[in-house]
């Protein structure tokens, strides 16, 4: 059974973390959109005597790009953790609402 206290804790958590969720989502999407820019910059620094496919391979293997991908992964993890926790707390409130309506 879901208690009133659990519902209040869920609501409090959602209110306290809504800004953090928005920030995490924005950070993830910013990094995701920046991926093509980093790749293009790296490719432009590689000799034009190489084929486009070869320059792309070099860019994707570059340490700067790998670091970017690690940062993107971390940002996605942070965002998803908050999003799943928000969904979990919403579910608690929805279940409580259904149980209360059925009483």
PDB file of N, CA and C in Angstrom:
ATOM      1  N   UNK A   1       0.844  -1.183   0.000  1.00  0.00           N
ATOM      2  CA  UNK A   1       0.000   0.000   0.000  1.00  0.00           C
ATOM      3  C   UNK A   1       0.889   1.245   0.000  1.00  0.00           C
ATOM      4  N   UNK A   2       0.495   2.219  -0.755  1.00  0.00           N
ATOM      5  CA  UNK A   2       1.216   3.485  -0.836  1.00  0.00           C
ATOM      6  C   UNK A   2       0.665   4.425   0.230  1.00  0.00           C
ATOM      7  N   UNK A   3       1.561   4.930   1.053  1.00  0.00           N
ATOM      8  CA  UNK A   3       1.145   5.811   2.143  1.00  0.00           C
ATOM      9  C   UNK A   3       1.158   7.276   1.697  1.00  0.00           C
ATOM     10  N   UNK A   4       0.461   8.090   2.464  1.00  0.00           N
ATOM     11  CA  UNK A   4       0.463   9.532   2.198  1.00  0.00           C
ATOM     12  C   UNK A   4       1.878  10.097   2.294  1.00  0.00           C
ATOM     13  N   UNK A   5       2.660   9.546   3.209  1.00  0.00           N
ATOM     14  CA  UNK A   5       4.039   9.992   3.385  1.00  0.00           C
ATOM     15  C   UNK A   5       4.877   9.689   2.130  1.00  0.00           C
ATOM     16  N   UNK A   6       4.680   8.516   1.543  1.00  0.00           N
ATOM     17  CA  UNK A   6       5.414   8.168   0.328  1.00  0.00           C
ATOM     18  C   UNK A   6       5.052   9.107  -0.823  1.00  0.00           C
ATOM     19  N   UNK A   7       3.779   9.446  -0.914  1.00  0.00           N
ATOM     20  CA  UNK A   7       3.333  10.359  -1.960  1.00  0.00           C
ATOM     21  C   UNK A   7       3.953  11.740  -1.740  1.00  0.00           C
ATOM     22  N   UNK A   8       3.960  12.198  -0.510  1.00  0.00           N
ATOM     23  CA  UNK A   8       4.547  13.503  -0.208  1.00  0.00           C
ATOM     24  C   UNK A   8       6.039  13.517  -0.523  1.00  0.00           C
ATOM     25  N   UNK A   9       6.736  12.438  -0.181  1.00  0.00           N
ATOM     26  CA  UNK A   9       8.168  12.342  -0.495  1.00  0.00           C
ATOM     27  C   UNK A   9       8.395  12.368  -2.006  1.00  0.00           C
ATOM     28  N   UNK A  10       7.531  11.670  -2.742  1.00  0.00           N
ATOM     29  CA  UNK A  10       7.644  11.651  -4.200  1.00  0.00           C
ATOM     30  C   UNK A  10       7.424  13.050  -4.772  1.00  0.00           C
ATOM     31  N   UNK A  11       6.397  13.731  -4.294  1.00  0.00           N
ATOM     32  CA  UNK A  11       6.126  15.088  -4.755  1.00  0.00           C
ATOM     33  C   UNK A  11       7.271  16.038  -4.413  1.00  0.00           C
ATOM     34  N   UNK A  12       7.776  15.936  -3.202  1.00  0.00           N
ATOM     35  CA  UNK A  12       8.892  16.784  -2.775  1.00  0.00           C
ATOM     36  C   UNK A  12      10.113  16.552  -3.662  1.00  0.00           C
ATOM     37  N   UNK A  13      10.404  15.275  -3.948  1.00  0.00           N
ATOM     38  CA  UNK A  13      11.565  14.951  -4.782  1.00  0.00           C
ATOM     39  C   UNK A  13      11.401  15.558  -6.173  1.00  0.00           C
ATOM     40  N   UNK A  14      10.194  15.431  -6.741  1.00  0.00           N
ATOM     41  CA  UNK A  14       9.961  15.967  -8.083  1.00  0.00           C
ATOM     42  C   UNK A  14      10.144  17.484  -8.110  1.00  0.00           C
ATOM     43  N   UNK A  15       9.631  18.159  -7.102  1.00  0.00           N
ATOM     44  CA  UNK A  15       9.764  19.612  -7.041  1.00  0.00           C
ATOM     45  C   UNK A  15      11.225  20.023  -6.873  1.00  0.00           C
ATOM     46  N   UNK A  16      11.945  19.314  -6.023  1.00  0.00           N
ATOM     47  CA  UNK A  16      13.339  19.651  -5.744  1.00  0.00           C
ATOM     48  C   UNK A  16      14.274  19.348  -6.917  1.00  0.00           C
ATOM     49  N   UNK A  17      13.875  18.430  -7.790  1.00  0.00           N
ATOM     50  CA  UNK A  17      14.779  17.979  -8.850  1.00  0.00           C
ATOM     51  C   UNK A  17      14.347  18.340 -10.260  1.00  0.00           C
ATOM     52  N   UNK A  18      13.264  19.103 -10.401  1.00  0.00           N
ATOM     53  CA  UNK A  18      12.807  19.437 -11.750  1.00  0.00           C
ATOM     54  C   UNK A  18      13.836  20.278 -12.503  1.00  0.00           C
ATOM     55  N   UNK A  19      14.499  21.194 -11.830  1.00  0.00           N
ATOM     56  CA  UNK A  19      15.519  22.010 -12.490  1.00  0.00           C
ATOM     57  C   UNK A  19      16.746  21.178 -12.856  1.00  0.00           C
ATOM     58  N   UNK A  20      17.129  20.277 -11.965  1.00  0.00           N
ATOM     59  CA  UNK A  20      18.278  19.408 -12.237  1.00  0.00           C
ATOM     60  C   UNK A  20      18.005  18.519 -13.447  1.00  0.00           C
ATOM     61  N   UNK A  21      16.775  18.034 -13.563  1.00  0.00           N
ATOM     62  CA  UNK A  21      16.410  17.208 -14.715  1.00  0.00           C
ATOM     63  C   UNK A  21      16.499  18.029 -15.996  1.00  0.00           C
ATOM     64  N   UNK A  22      15.992  19.238 -15.970  1.00  0.00           N
ATOM     65  CA  UNK A  22      16.051  20.098 -17.156  1.00  0.00           C
ATOM     66  C   UNK A  22      17.501  20.400 -17.544  1.00  0.00           C
ATOM     67  N   UNK A  23      18.331  20.685 -16.560  1.00  0.00           N
ATOM     68  CA  UNK A  23      19.748  20.959 -16.827  1.00  0.00           C
ATOM     69  C   UNK A  23      20.455  19.734 -17.410  1.00  0.00           C
ATOM     70  N   UNK A  24      20.177  18.567 -16.838  1.00  0.00           N
ATOM     71  CA  UNK A  24      20.808  17.337 -17.318  1.00  0.00           C
ATOM     72  C   UNK A  24      20.374  17.029 -18.750  1.00  0.00           C
ATOM     73  N   UNK A  25      19.103  17.235 -19.032  1.00  0.00           N
ATOM     74  CA  UNK A  25      18.599  16.991 -20.386  1.00  0.00           C
ATOM     75  C   UNK A  25      19.234  17.961 -21.376  1.00  0.00           C
ATOM     76  N   UNK A  26      19.307  19.231 -21.008  1.00  0.00           N
ATOM     77  CA  UNK A  26      19.915  20.235 -21.883  1.00  0.00           C
ATOM     78  C   UNK A  26      21.395  19.939 -22.128  1.00  0.00           C
ATOM     79  N   UNK A  27      22.113  19.545 -21.078  1.00  0.00           N
ATOM     80  CA  UNK A  27      23.539  19.233 -21.210  1.00  0.00           C
ATOM     81  C   UNK A  27      23.754  18.058 -22.161  1.00  0.00           C
ATOM     82  N   UNK A  28      22.929  17.033 -22.000  1.00  0.00           N
ATOM     83  CA  UNK A  28      23.049  15.868 -22.880  1.00  0.00           C
ATOM     84  C   UNK A  28      22.786  16.252 -24.330  1.00  0.00           C
ATOM     85  N   UNK A  29      21.705  16.978 -24.573  1.00  0.00           N
ATOM     86  CA  UNK A  29      21.361  17.340 -25.949  1.00  0.00           C
ATOM     87  C   UNK A  29      22.379  18.309 -26.553  1.00  0.00           C
ATOM     88  N   UNK A  30      22.936  19.202 -25.749  1.00  0.00           N
ATOM     89  CA  UNK A  30      23.989  20.090 -26.246  1.00  0.00           C
ATOM     90  C   UNK A  30      25.201  19.289 -26.710  1.00  0.00           C
ATOM     91  N   UNK A  31      25.632  18.354 -25.889  1.00  0.00           N
ATOM     92  CA  UNK A  31      26.781  17.528 -26.263  1.00  0.00           C
ATOM     93  C   UNK A  31      26.474  16.680 -27.486  1.00  0.00           C
ATOM     94  N   UNK A  32      25.268  16.159 -27.558  1.00  0.00           N
ATOM     95  CA  UNK A  32      24.880  15.333 -28.701  1.00  0.00           C
ATOM     96  C   UNK A  32      24.936  16.147 -29.997  1.00  0.00           C
ATOM     97  N   UNK A  33      24.390  17.353 -29.966  1.00  0.00           N
ATOM     98  CA  UNK A  33      24.410  18.208 -31.157  1.00  0.00           C
ATOM     99  C   UNK A  33      25.837  18.633 -31.527  1.00  0.00           C
ATOM    100  N   UNK A  34      26.710  18.719 -30.542  1.00  0.00           N
ATOM    101  CA  UNK A  34      28.088  19.163 -30.761  1.00  0.00           C
ATOM    102  C   UNK A  34      28.953  18.078 -31.400  1.00  0.00           C
ATOM    103  N   UNK A  35      28.487  16.842 -31.402  1.00  0.00           N
ATOM    104  CA  UNK A  35      29.272  15.726 -31.949  1.00  0.00           C
ATOM    105  C   UNK A  35      29.676  15.958 -33.400  1.00  0.00           C
ATOM    106  N   UNK A  36      28.737  16.394 -34.223  1.00  0.00           N
ATOM    107  CA  UNK A  36      29.041  16.622 -35.642  1.00  0.00           C
ATOM    108  C   UNK A  36      30.046  17.756 -35.824  1.00  0.00           C
ATOM    109  N   UNK A  37      29.951  18.762 -34.971  1.00  0.00           N
ATOM    110  CA  UNK A  37      30.880  19.886 -35.058  1.00  0.00           C
ATOM    111  C   UNK A  37      32.302  19.439 -34.746  1.00  0.00           C
ATOM    112  N   UNK A  38      32.452  18.668 -33.686  1.00  0.00           N
ATOM    113  CA  UNK A  38      33.787  18.172 -33.321  1.00  0.00           C
ATOM    114  C   UNK A  38      34.352  17.309 -34.441  1.00  0.00           C
ATOM    115  N   UNK A  39      33.525  16.428 -34.958  1.00  0.00           N
ATOM    116  CA  UNK A  39      33.966  15.543 -36.044  1.00  0.00           C
ATOM    117  C   UNK A  39      34.396  16.374 -37.258  1.00  0.00           C
ATOM    118  N   UNK A  40      33.615  17.382 -37.616  1.00  0.00           N
ATOM    119  CA  UNK A  40      33.946  18.231 -38.764  1.00  0.00           C
ATOM    120  C   UNK A  40      35.246  18.990 -38.536  1.00  0.00           C
ATOM    121  N   UNK A  41      35.423  19.516 -37.324  1.00  0.00           N
ATOM    122  CA  UNK A  41      36.663  20.241 -37.012  1.00  0.00           C
ATOM    123  C   UNK A  41      37.871  19.329 -37.113  1.00  0.00           C
ATOM    124  N   UNK A  42      37.744  18.137 -36.580  1.00  0.00           N
ATOM    125  CA  UNK A  42      38.855  17.189 -36.638  1.00  0.00           C
ATOM    126  C   UNK A  42      39.157  16.788 -38.081  1.00  0.00           C
ATOM    127  N   UNK A  43      38.109  16.564 -38.855  1.00  0.00           N
ATOM    128  CA  UNK A  43      38.314  16.180 -40.255  1.00  0.00           C
ATOM    129  C   UNK A  43      38.975  17.306 -41.048  1.00  0.00           C
ATOM    130  N   UNK A  44      38.636  18.544 -40.721  1.00  0.00           N
ATOM    131  CA  UNK A  44      39.219  19.667 -41.463  1.00  0.00           C
ATOM    132  C   UNK A  44      40.702  19.858 -41.151  1.00  0.00           C
ATOM    133  N   UNK A  45      41.148  19.326 -40.015  1.00  0.00           N
ATOM    134  CA  UNK A  45      42.563  19.431 -39.631  1.00  0.00           C
ATOM    135  C   UNK A  45      43.411  18.310 -40.215  1.00  0.00           C
ATOM    136  N   UNK A  46      42.782  17.378 -40.895  1.00  0.00           N
ATOM    137  CA  UNK A  46      43.497  16.245 -41.471  1.00  0.00           C
ATOM    138  C   UNK A  46      43.758  16.548 -42.945  1.00  0.00           C
ATOM    139  N   UNK A  47      44.876  16.104 -43.435  1.00  0.00           N
ATOM    140  CA  UNK A  47      45.291  16.368 -44.813  1.00  0.00           C
ATOM    141  C   UNK A  47      44.187  16.061 -45.816  1.00  0.00           C
ATOM    142  N   UNK A  48      43.982  17.007 -46.733  1.00  0.00           N
ATOM    143  CA  UNK A  48      42.961  16.815 -47.767  1.00  0.00           C
ATOM    144  C   UNK A  48      43.414  15.829 -48.835  1.00  0.00           C
ATOM    145  N   UNK A  49      44.648  15.334 -48.718  1.00  0.00           N
ATOM    146  CA  UNK A  49      45.131  14.316 -49.653  1.00  0.00           C
ATOM    147  C   UNK A  49      44.506  12.960 -49.373  1.00  0.00           C
ATOM    148  N   UNK A  50      43.892  12.834 -48.210  1.00  0.00           N
ATOM    149  CA  UNK A  50      43.237  11.573 -47.833  1.00  0.00           C
ATOM    150  C   UNK A  50      41.783  11.603 -48.302  1.00  0.00           C
ATOM    151  N   UNK A  51      41.212  10.425 -48.492  1.00  0.00           N
ATOM    152  CA  UNK A  51      39.800  10.354 -48.864  1.00  0.00           C
ATOM    153  C   UNK A  51      38.937  10.821 -47.690  1.00  0.00           C
ATOM    154  N   UNK A  52      37.695  11.163 -47.997  1.00  0.00           N
ATOM    155  CA  UNK A  52      36.766  11.596 -46.949  1.00  0.00           C
ATOM    156  C   UNK A  52      36.575  10.480 -45.924  1.00  0.00           C
ATOM    157  N   UNK A  53      36.452   9.258 -46.396  1.00  0.00           N
ATOM    158  CA  UNK A  53      36.271   8.117 -45.489  1.00  0.00           C
ATOM    159  C   UNK A  53      37.483   7.943 -44.579  1.00  0.00           C
ATOM    160  N   UNK A  54      38.665   8.127 -45.113  1.00  0.00           N
ATOM    161  CA  UNK A  54      39.883   7.999 -44.308  1.00  0.00           C
ATOM    162  C   UNK A  54      39.978   9.123 -43.284  1.00  0.00           C
ATOM    163  N   UNK A  55      39.617  10.344 -43.701  1.00  0.00           N
ATOM    164  CA  UNK A  55      39.634  11.470 -42.754  1.00  0.00           C
ATOM    165  C   UNK A  55      38.600  11.273 -41.652  1.00  0.00           C
ATOM    166  N   UNK A  56      37.443  10.735 -42.018  1.00  0.00           N
ATOM    167  CA  UNK A  56      36.406  10.464 -41.019  1.00  0.00           C
ATOM    168  C   UNK A  56      36.885   9.418 -40.017  1.00  0.00           C
ATOM    169  N   UNK A  57      37.538   8.378 -40.519  1.00  0.00           N
ATOM    170  CA  UNK A  57      38.071   7.336 -39.636  1.00  0.00           C
ATOM    171  C   UNK A  57      39.091   7.920 -38.677  1.00  0.00           C
ATOM    172  N   UNK A  58      39.962   8.756 -39.186  1.00  0.00           N
ATOM    173  CA  UNK A  58      40.970   9.413 -38.339  1.00  0.00           C
ATOM    174  C   UNK A  58      40.309  10.299 -37.287  1.00  0.00           C
ATOM    175  N   UNK A  59      39.300  11.051 -37.691  1.00  0.00           N
ATOM    176  CA  UNK A  59      38.613  11.958 -36.758  1.00  0.00           C
ATOM    177  C   UNK A  59      37.927  11.168 -35.649  1.00  0.00           C
ATOM    178  N   UNK A  60      37.251  10.085 -36.016  1.00  0.00           N
ATOM    179  CA  UNK A  60      36.531   9.293 -35.019  1.00  0.00           C
ATOM    180  C   UNK A  60      37.477   8.576 -34.058  1.00  0.00           C
ATOM    181  N   UNK A  61      38.700   8.352 -34.479  1.00  0.00           N
ATOM    182  CA  UNK A  61      39.690   7.699 -33.622  1.00  0.00           C
ATOM    183  C   UNK A  61      40.483   8.699 -32.778  1.00  0.00           C
ATOM    184  N   UNK A  62      40.271   9.972 -33.020  1.00  0.00           N
ATOM    185  CA  UNK A  62      41.007  11.022 -32.320  1.00  0.00           C
ATOM    186  C   UNK A  62      40.665  11.042 -30.835  1.00  0.00           C
ATOM    187  N   UNK A  63      41.658  11.322 -30.007  1.00  0.00           N
ATOM    188  CA  UNK A  63      41.462  11.374 -28.552  1.00  0.00           C
ATOM    189  C   UNK A  63      40.408  12.414 -28.156  1.00  0.00           C
ATOM    190  N   UNK A  64      40.400  13.550 -28.822  1.00  0.00           N
ATOM    191  CA  UNK A  64      39.419  14.600 -28.507  1.00  0.00           C
ATOM    192  C   UNK A  64      37.994  14.084 -28.744  1.00  0.00           C
ATOM    193  N   UNK A  65      37.788  13.342 -29.821  1.00  0.00           N
ATOM    194  CA  UNK A  65      36.458  12.819 -30.121  1.00  0.00           C
ATOM    195  C   UNK A  65      36.079  11.727 -29.124  1.00  0.00           C
ATOM    196  N   UNK A  66      37.037  10.883 -28.773  1.00  0.00           N
ATOM    197  CA  UNK A  66      36.762   9.831 -27.788  1.00  0.00           C
ATOM    198  C   UNK A  66      36.392  10.442 -26.432  1.00  0.00           C
ATOM    199  N   UNK A  67      37.089  11.500 -26.045  1.00  0.00           N
ATOM    200  CA  UNK A  67      36.771  12.188 -24.791  1.00  0.00           C
ATOM    201  C   UNK A  67      35.363  12.783 -24.860  1.00  0.00           C
ATOM    202  N   UNK A  68      35.039  13.350 -26.009  1.00  0.00           N
ATOM    203  CA  UNK A  68      33.692  13.897 -26.196  1.00  0.00           C
ATOM    204  C   UNK A  68      32.647  12.793 -26.012  1.00  0.00           C
ATOM    205  N   UNK A  69      32.883  11.634 -26.589  1.00  0.00           N
ATOM    206  CA  UNK A  69      31.931  10.529 -26.462  1.00  0.00           C
ATOM    207  C   UNK A  69      31.790  10.068 -25.009  1.00  0.00           C
ATOM    208  N   UNK A  70      32.883  10.071 -24.268  1.00  0.00           N
ATOM    209  CA  UNK A  70      32.819   9.730 -22.839  1.00  0.00           C
ATOM    210  C   UNK A  70      31.976  10.748 -22.083  1.00  0.00           C
ATOM    211  N   UNK A  71      32.177  12.023 -22.389  1.00  0.00           N
ATOM    212  CA  UNK A  71      31.382  13.082 -21.750  1.00  0.00           C
ATOM    213  C   UNK A  71      29.908  12.974 -22.140  1.00  0.00           C
ATOM    214  N   UNK A  72      29.647  12.624 -23.380  1.00  0.00           N
ATOM    215  CA  UNK A  72      28.277  12.439 -23.849  1.00  0.00           C
ATOM    216  C   UNK A  72      27.614  11.285 -23.115  1.00  0.00           C
ATOM    217  N   UNK A  73      28.359  10.203 -22.925  1.00  0.00           N
ATOM    218  CA  UNK A  73      27.829   9.049 -22.195  1.00  0.00           C
ATOM    219  C   UNK A  73      27.492   9.411 -20.752  1.00  0.00           C
ATOM    220  N   UNK A  74      28.377  10.145 -20.106  1.00  0.00           N
ATOM    221  CA  UNK A  74      28.143  10.569 -18.723  1.00  0.00           C
ATOM    222  C   UNK A  74      26.920  11.477 -18.634  1.00  0.00           C
ATOM    223  N   UNK A  75      26.806  12.404 -19.570  1.00  0.00           N
ATOM    224  CA  UNK A  75      25.658  13.318 -19.578  1.00  0.00           C
ATOM    225  C   UNK A  75      24.357  12.547 -19.805  1.00  0.00           C
ATOM    226  N   UNK A  76      24.392  11.575 -20.694  1.00  0.00           N
ATOM    227  CA  UNK A  76      23.191  10.771 -20.949  1.00  0.00           C
ATOM    228  C   UNK A  76      22.816   9.964 -19.715  1.00  0.00           C
ATOM    229  N   UNK A  77      23.800   9.387 -19.042  1.00  0.00           N
ATOM    230  CA  UNK A  77      23.544   8.614 -17.827  1.00  0.00           C
ATOM    231  C   UNK A  77      22.928   9.498 -16.748  1.00  0.00           C
ATOM    232  N   UNK A  78      23.490  10.670 -16.539  1.00  0.00           N
ATOM    233  CA  UNK A  78      22.961  11.601 -15.534  1.00  0.00           C
ATOM    234  C   UNK A  78      21.519  11.990 -15.855  1.00  0.00           C
ATOM    235  N   UNK A  79      21.282  12.290 -17.115  1.00  0.00           N
ATOM    236  CA  UNK A  79      19.944  12.675 -17.559  1.00  0.00           C
ATOM    237  C   UNK A  79      18.950  11.532 -17.366  1.00  0.00           C
ATOM    238  N   UNK A  80      19.320  10.332 -17.793  1.00  0.00           N
ATOM    239  CA  UNK A  80      18.402   9.192 -17.695  1.00  0.00           C
ATOM    240  C   UNK A  80      18.122   8.798 -16.249  1.00  0.00           C
ATOM    241  N   UNK A  81      19.122   8.891 -15.394  1.00  0.00           N
ATOM    242  CA  UNK A  81      18.899   8.579 -13.979  1.00  0.00           C
ATOM    243  C   UNK A  81      17.835   9.503 -13.387  1.00  0.00           C
ATOM    244  N   UNK A  82      17.948  10.783 -13.668  1.00  0.00           N
ATOM    245  CA  UNK A  82      16.958  11.737 -13.158  1.00  0.00           C
ATOM    246  C   UNK A  82      15.587  11.521 -13.810  1.00  0.00           C
ATOM    247  N   UNK A  83      15.594  11.249 -15.096  1.00  0.00           N
ATOM    248  CA  UNK A  83      14.332  11.036 -15.801  1.00  0.00           C
ATOM    249  C   UNK A  83      13.609   9.793 -15.268  1.00  0.00           C
ATOM    250  N   UNK A  84      14.350   8.706 -15.056  1.00  0.00           N
ATOM    251  CA  UNK A  84      13.726   7.483 -14.546  1.00  0.00           C
ATOM    252  C   UNK A  84      13.222   7.663 -13.117  1.00  0.00           C
ATOM    253  N   UNK A  85      13.980   8.394 -12.317  1.00  0.00           N
ATOM    254  CA  UNK A  85      13.546   8.669 -10.949  1.00  0.00           C
ATOM    255  C   UNK A  85      12.297   9.547 -10.953  1.00  0.00           C
ATOM    256  N   UNK A  86      12.242  10.514 -11.862  1.00  0.00           N
ATOM    257  CA  UNK A  86      11.061  11.366 -11.989  1.00  0.00           C
ATOM    258  C   UNK A  86       9.857  10.512 -12.394  1.00  0.00           C
ATOM    259  N   UNK A  87      10.047   9.625 -13.357  1.00  0.00           N
ATOM    260  CA  UNK A  87       8.963   8.735 -13.792  1.00  0.00           C
ATOM    261  C   UNK A  87       8.497   7.835 -12.653  1.00  0.00           C
ATOM    262  N   UNK A  88       9.440   7.350 -11.873  1.00  0.00           N
ATOM    263  CA  UNK A  88       9.124   6.488 -10.721  1.00  0.00           C
ATOM    264  C   UNK A  88       8.245   7.247  -9.718  1.00  0.00           C
ATOM    265  N   UNK A  89       8.616   8.472  -9.439  1.00  0.00           N
ATOM    266  CA  UNK A  89       7.844   9.264  -8.487  1.00  0.00           C
ATOM    267  C   UNK A  89       6.476   9.651  -9.041  1.00  0.00           C
ATOM    268  N   UNK A  90       6.398   9.916 -10.327  1.00  0.00           N
ATOM    269  CA  UNK A  90       5.100  10.186 -10.952  1.00  0.00           C
ATOM    270  C   UNK A  90       4.192   8.966 -10.833  1.00  0.00           C
ATOM    271  N   UNK A  91       4.774   7.795 -11.024  1.00  0.00           N
ATOM    272  CA  UNK A  91       3.998   6.560 -10.933  1.00  0.00           C
ATOM    273  C   UNK A  91       3.445   6.357  -9.520  1.00  0.00           C
ATOM    274  N   UNK A  92       4.248   6.657  -8.520  1.00  0.00           N
ATOM    275  CA  UNK A  92       3.775   6.562  -7.134  1.00  0.00           C
ATOM    276  C   UNK A  92       2.552   7.457  -6.946  1.00  0.00           C
ATOM    277  N   UNK A  93       2.626   8.680  -7.449  1.00  0.00           N
ATOM    278  CA  UNK A  93       1.502   9.616  -7.308  1.00  0.00           C
ATOM    279  C   UNK A  93       0.278   9.138  -8.086  1.00  0.00           C
ATOM    280  N   UNK A  94       0.493   8.614  -9.272  1.00  0.00           N
ATOM    281  CA  UNK A  94      -0.625   8.123 -10.074  1.00  0.00           C
ATOM    282  C   UNK A  94      -1.290   6.903  -9.432  1.00  0.00           C
ATOM    283  N   UNK A  95      -0.485   6.004  -8.901  1.00  0.00           N
ATOM    284  CA  UNK A  95      -1.047   4.835  -8.226  1.00  0.00           C
ATOM    285  C   UNK A  95      -1.828   5.249  -6.988  1.00  0.00           C
ATOM    286  N   UNK A  96      -1.278   6.171  -6.232  1.00  0.00           N
ATOM    287  CA  UNK A  96      -1.969   6.678  -5.038  1.00  0.00           C
ATOM    288  C   UNK A  96      -3.302   7.313  -5.432  1.00  0.00           C
ATOM    289  N   UNK A  97      -3.289   8.067  -6.523  1.00  0.00           N
ATOM    290  CA  UNK A  97      -4.513   8.719  -6.990  1.00  0.00           C
ATOM    291  C   UNK A  97      -5.573   7.662  -7.366  1.00  0.00           C
ATOM    292  N   UNK A  98      -5.142   6.614  -8.063  1.00  0.00           N
ATOM    293  CA  UNK A  98      -6.070   5.549  -8.451  1.00  0.00           C
ATOM    294  C   UNK A  98      -6.616   4.824  -7.231  1.00  0.00           C
ATOM    295  N   UNK A  99      -5.727   4.501  -6.304  1.00  0.00           N
ATOM    296  CA  UNK A  99      -6.161   3.805  -5.078  1.00  0.00           C
ATOM    297  C   UNK A  99      -7.131   4.680  -4.299  1.00  0.00           C
ATOM    298  N   UNK A 100      -6.832   5.967  -4.186  1.00  0.00           N
ATOM    299  CA  UNK A 100      -7.695   6.890  -3.460  1.00  0.00           C
ATOM    300  C   UNK A 100      -9.060   7.022  -4.117  1.00  0.00           C
ATOM    301  N   UNK A 101      -9.088   7.050  -5.431  1.00  0.00           N
ATOM    302  CA  UNK A 101     -10.355   7.172  -6.159  1.00  0.00           C
ATOM    303  C   UNK A 101     -11.202   5.911  -6.020  1.00  0.00           C
ATOM    304  N   UNK A 102     -10.540   4.781  -5.872  1.00  0.00           N
ATOM    305  CA  UNK A 102     -11.262   3.519  -5.750  1.00  0.00           C
ATOM    306  C   UNK A 102     -11.822   3.266  -4.341  1.00  0.00           C
ATOM    307  N   UNK A 103     -11.387   4.065  -3.383  1.00  0.00           N
ATOM    308  CA  UNK A 103     -11.837   3.854  -1.996  1.00  0.00           C
ATOM    309  C   UNK A 103     -13.248   4.333  -1.793  1.00  0.00           C
TER     310      UNK A 103
END
